[in-house]
Amino acid sequence: MSDVMTNPYAHIVEPLDPQKPDHKFFNLRKLGDPRYDHLPFSIRVLLESAVRNCDEFLVKKDDVEKILNWKVTQSQTVEVPFRPARVILQDFTGVPAVVDFAAMRDAVKKLQGDPEKINPVCPVDLVIDHSIQVDFNRKSDSLQKNQELEFERNRERFEFLKWGSKAFRNMRIIPPGSGIVHQVNLEYLARVVFDQDGYYYPDSLVGTDSHTTMIDGLGVLGWGVGGIEAEAVMLGQPISMVLPEVIGYKLQGTPSKYITSTDIVLTVTKHLRQVGVVGKFVEFFGPGVAQLSIADRATIANMCPEYGATAAFFPVDHISVQYLEQTGRDSEKLSYIAQYLKAVGMFRDYSNTAQDPHFTQVVELDLSAVVPCCSGPKRPHDKVAVSDMKEDFENCLGAKQGFKGFQVAPDRHNASVPFQYNGAEYSLSHGSVVIAAITSCTNTSNPSVMLGAGLLAKKAVECGLSVKPYIKTSLSPGSGVVTYYLKESGVMDFLSQLGFEVVGYGCMTCIGNSGPLPEQVVEAITQGDLVAAGVLSGNRNFEGRVHPNTRANYLASPPLVIAYAIAGTMRIDFEKEPLGVNSEGKKIFLRDIWSTREEIQAVERRFVIPAMFKEVYEKVEKVNERWNSLKAPSDKLYTWDPNSTYIKSPPFFDGLTRELQPPKSITDAYVLLNLGDSVTTDHISPAGNIARNSSAARYLTGRGLTAREFNSYGSRRGNDAVMARGTFANIRLFNKFLNKQAPSTTYLPTGETMDVYDAAEKYQQAGHPLLVLAGKEYGSGSSRDWAAKGPFLLGIKAVLAESYERIHRSNLVGMGIIPLEYLHGETAESLGLTGRERYSVVIPPQLTPRMTVDVKLDTGKTFQAKMRFDTDVELTYFLHGGILNYMIRKMSEN
């Protein structure tokens, strides 16, 4: 916060309670500006931050005026700074952040600065949730065994993180086994209103995970940013953002008694994808919001990246406060949260239309029109009504290869492959379910769908239904509270009987840590070239993400995950076909075992109580004995181990000088890859298993590791040598040079096909700069900073795409890679680009945001492209060679 004495808005500071004169707040109503009451509630949070942090340097009065004038400026690409109250990390993105901080300390020292200036200045919480895998399932000791393996694989990373928690101020680590970052944030970490240094102000955050938006469901404004940008925030830099348009999403009506929150979120996701909300805030309002619990709202906010918005905000109301009570929050804090928010006009009454602010655009959804649905088979916004699932899957089988097609020959549609498993014979066919996972904070944070799954399991078992033993079933809750209420309500035993044992507390299958399938299953899938299916209660189902052997993956509510597991196939019409037959020969349909919302809510009211949350979270930082026993050094500078294959000092700052180097044009660059639409960060920098025939595997083998010790790419993000080799190593990457899916490319000077890393290395050795060609939505998916760091290390100087996902474009800027965008209406095809040309990009000495530049080809053709540096601050980062270089130079100043 700026020095209040020099803050030009010091005159609006006053005590919230006259009885506590040392607890103050900036009373925005005292600005006396009639525009304030018409601002969207999400924009009011940005305004409060600007007012409180106004120092006429990083945040200026002019910025405050821009935000107040949002109704006009929202359409003008106006840049404003935002200083979030805190930062949240998970371990896959947190390890590289701490590695960067350790390397930055070394770099500052080399430039004769004070290395301890590299230190978080705002609260930082790092939740370890991405490391555990589903190696064991269906056994009562699966949890114990998976946690043991997690520590065995990741001890070195965990010791490094423990060092970080000691070496850096304001950094708290939530140990492994505690839950999923966004659920822990919702149930425990969120403050809603900060009371710090004598001031009240709204809780807000950025996180190094795209689903940070989940916290918007509680009325805390937050969104995902690249790890690189988060590091700058941790060091006191405001985020430079374009003041967003705000789409008002009006909810009306009441959902049917058979509808789950998952059905609602998948409907919203498809709808908002069609509306087009990329780069915008979505703010929910209308009488239908009051029909939704905070868990329901959080589920909708969680999937914000899947519909493309920056944030999905539900302003705080009385239900938010009730949730804080239910989750055992401190009563003293509850007393000032509502009081403060009402005082500054940020407390919402959804039934009061007079409170409705101005929005850029209003779209509506009638909750009574929502039907049970899934999404898939390859994208989270491809919603399919459950009643249409069988027909839709069968259409996808024969359709042309694409997001809704597998291009299976018609005579192969009914192919089946018999196999033996545990002494019995089974068969697999197209659509057979081989993974069924109740996973992800999206749904495990919601007691209604978790208890709905438990009640369905209870009724299924009582009807004599079961799940085939070869199907990999798992239950990975986002916090220990879930297990607590599932046990207390008596449904846990029934989930276990169907194979849904607790396998760990972490992201697991949702992020691709699904572990191995039985060998017999893999052989049958491979032999028949089958389109096998995974069904999960997650938020992403991109091809190659969940498991290499499940080409079709569907997002579904936890009860539907169990239903499809029992059915054993996606090719079932639940209305007409039974799930199974009981011992008396009676057909059991899904409708016979499905619970209503009222049934579920009655169980929830009885068993989801504050004492559970208090008991679980009071000991969350101390309960893990393995973590407690880890030894970590206490030096302020990290001692890098040259033999480590997990933690390595990155080369990003090698040769960094105090003086700025002028930007250079790109001359005669080769195209490393020619890609299409919707290339995800999973394609660019996979997080899952390291294939045995990959460049990364060869590197690790050369360091003396066996395949069993490879672990995942995500777990090795602290080692640039592994991650550079893992860049574009996804087996589902479709490269137009090869016209097929493979983690390979054509080395253009000779025409050889080779791994992407090996080709990049040859180009670098010859001194050739590199370019990537891509289509629409380049970099969609997770906010993965290695999807920018990896290409930087491969020598990629620019990407030329039709459009970018917001966070990934920011990450490219943060690494000094130029995001080039075709002019409106132009594409590689319309310009006749094959990717086999050599490209020169002319960078003029004077740069302005979003300027157009000339791109010259060795064929003599010239065209223009837009440089997607959207703000002056982003241009500054580019001129420094990236955001971290900028911070090091700044911190090295005396």
Foldseek 3Di string as FASTA:
>chain_A
DADLVQQPQVVQWAALDPVCGLAIERQPVVVVDPLQLQADLLLLQQLRQLRVHDNCPLRHPVLNVLSSVCVPQQPVQDKHWGQAQEEEEELLLVLQLLLLLLLLLVLLVVLVFHSLLQAFPHAYEYEHFPQFFQADFLDQCLQVVRVVVSCVQQVVSLQSVVLSPQLHPNYHYQDFQFFARLLCCQLPVALQWDRPSSYIGGHEYEYQKQLNLLNLLLAHHYGYFFSLVVSVSRSPRTDIAGSHAEEEEEEAAAAFQQDDLLLVLLVVLLVLLVVDAAAHEYEYAYPCSVNDASLSSSLNQSLCLQSHHGHYHYFAEVSSLVSCQQSQHDPVSSVVSVSVCVSNVRYDDRVDCVSNHDGPYYDYDYNHPGAFWKAAFAGSNRIDHLQCQQVQLLVQDCDDPDRSHDNHDPVQQFDKFWFDDPRDIDIDAAFFAQEQEAFESSALSDLLLLVQQLQLLVVCVVQVFEFDPQRHYEYAHRRPLSVQLCVVLPSQVSCSRRTHHHNGRHRHLQQQSHHDGPPRVQVRCVVSVHQYEYEYQHNGNHALGRHVSHRTYMHHGSNVSSLCRRQRGSNDNLVPAASDAGPVRHGHGSVNRGGTSVVSVVSCVVRSGNVSSCVSPVCSRPPDVVSVPRDHDNDSNDDDDPLDQAADNDCLCVPQDLDFDFDDWAPQAAALFEAEAPAALCQFFNFAADDCPFPLNVVVVVSVDDSVSRRTSSRRSNHLVNRLSRGSQRQQGQTPQVRGRGQWHALLVVRDIDHSLVSLVVCVVVVHAYEHEYEYAPHRDILYLSSQVNCVVSRHQEYEYQYYSDNVCVSVLQQLRWYWHADPPDGCVNVVHPSSWTWIWDDDRDDDAQDKTWIATPVGDIDIITGHPSHPVSVVQNSLSHDSSVVSSVSSDD
